[in-house]
Amino acid sequence: MLQKLDHGEKDLLFAIDTPEPDDDIISAADRYITSLTGALADTDEMLAALTDMADQE
């Protein structure tokens, strides 16, 4: 990620979220935005399920 920025990549989201195809090791920071977006969607789904359960009581 930092190498992309050092080499002039201007799209920060691309640099943060896109590992190189030839990367042998994927780090925790690779696909960071995608991971956070997925976590947010999971949280929204859980909140909706809990709200439904509370409404049924």
Protein backbone atom coordinates (compact mmCIF):
# COMPACT_ATOMS: atom_id res chain seq x y z
CA MET A 1 0.00 0.00 0.00
CA LEU A 2 2.67 2.49 0.96
CA GLN A 3 4.67 1.65 -2.15
CA LYS A 4 1.67 2.54 -4.30
CA LEU A 5 1.44 5.91 -2.60
CA ASP A 6 5.21 6.42 -2.87
CA HIS A 7 4.98 5.70 -6.61
CA GLY A 8 2.40 8.41 -7.12
CA GLU A 9 -0.94 6.61 -6.73
CA LYS A 10 -3.48 9.36 -6.09
CA ASP A 11 -6.52 7.17 -5.38
CA LEU A 12 -6.21 6.49 -1.66
CA LEU A 13 -9.12 4.03 -1.61
CA PHE A 14 -7.51 2.03 -4.41
CA ALA A 15 -4.15 2.04 -2.63
CA ILE A 16 -5.69 0.92 0.67
CA ASP A 17 -8.07 -1.69 -0.72
CA THR A 18 -6.26 -3.36 -3.60
CA PRO A 19 -3.38 -5.78 -2.98
CA GLU A 20 -1.03 -6.44 -5.86
CA PRO A 21 -1.94 -9.59 -7.85
CA ASP A 22 1.54 -11.01 -7.31
CA ASP A 23 1.58 -10.43 -3.53
CA ASP A 24 2.51 -13.69 -1.81
CA ILE A 25 1.34 -12.55 1.62
CA ILE A 26 -1.91 -10.73 2.25
CA SER A 27 -1.70 -8.51 5.31
CA ALA A 28 -4.47 -7.35 7.62
CA ALA A 29 -4.49 -3.99 5.85
CA ASP A 30 -5.12 -5.44 2.38
CA ARG A 31 -8.72 -5.00 1.26
CA TYR A 32 -9.25 -2.87 4.36
CA ILE A 33 -12.15 -0.83 2.98
CA THR A 34 -13.87 -3.97 1.68
CA SER A 35 -13.50 -5.59 5.11
CA LEU A 36 -14.93 -2.57 6.88
CA THR A 37 -17.83 -2.35 4.43
CA GLY A 38 -18.61 -6.02 5.03
CA ALA A 39 -18.47 -5.54 8.79
CA LEU A 40 -20.84 -2.59 8.54
CA ALA A 41 -23.29 -4.65 6.46
CA ASP A 42 -23.10 -7.48 9.01
CA THR A 43 -23.76 -5.00 11.82
CA ASP A 44 -26.76 -3.54 10.00
CA GLU A 45 -28.15 -7.04 9.46
CA MET A 46 -27.68 -7.96 13.13
CA LEU A 47 -29.30 -4.72 14.27
CA ALA A 48 -32.30 -5.38 12.02
CA ALA A 49 -32.62 -8.94 13.40
CA LEU A 50 -32.45 -7.71 17.00
CA THR A 51 -35.00 -5.00 16.27
CA ASP A 52 -37.35 -7.61 14.78
CA MET A 53 -36.90 -9.81 17.85
CA ALA A 54 -37.60 -6.89 20.19
CA ASP A 55 -40.73 -5.95 18.22
CA GLN A 56 -42.09 -9.50 18.56
CA GLU A 57 -42.03 -9.37 22.36
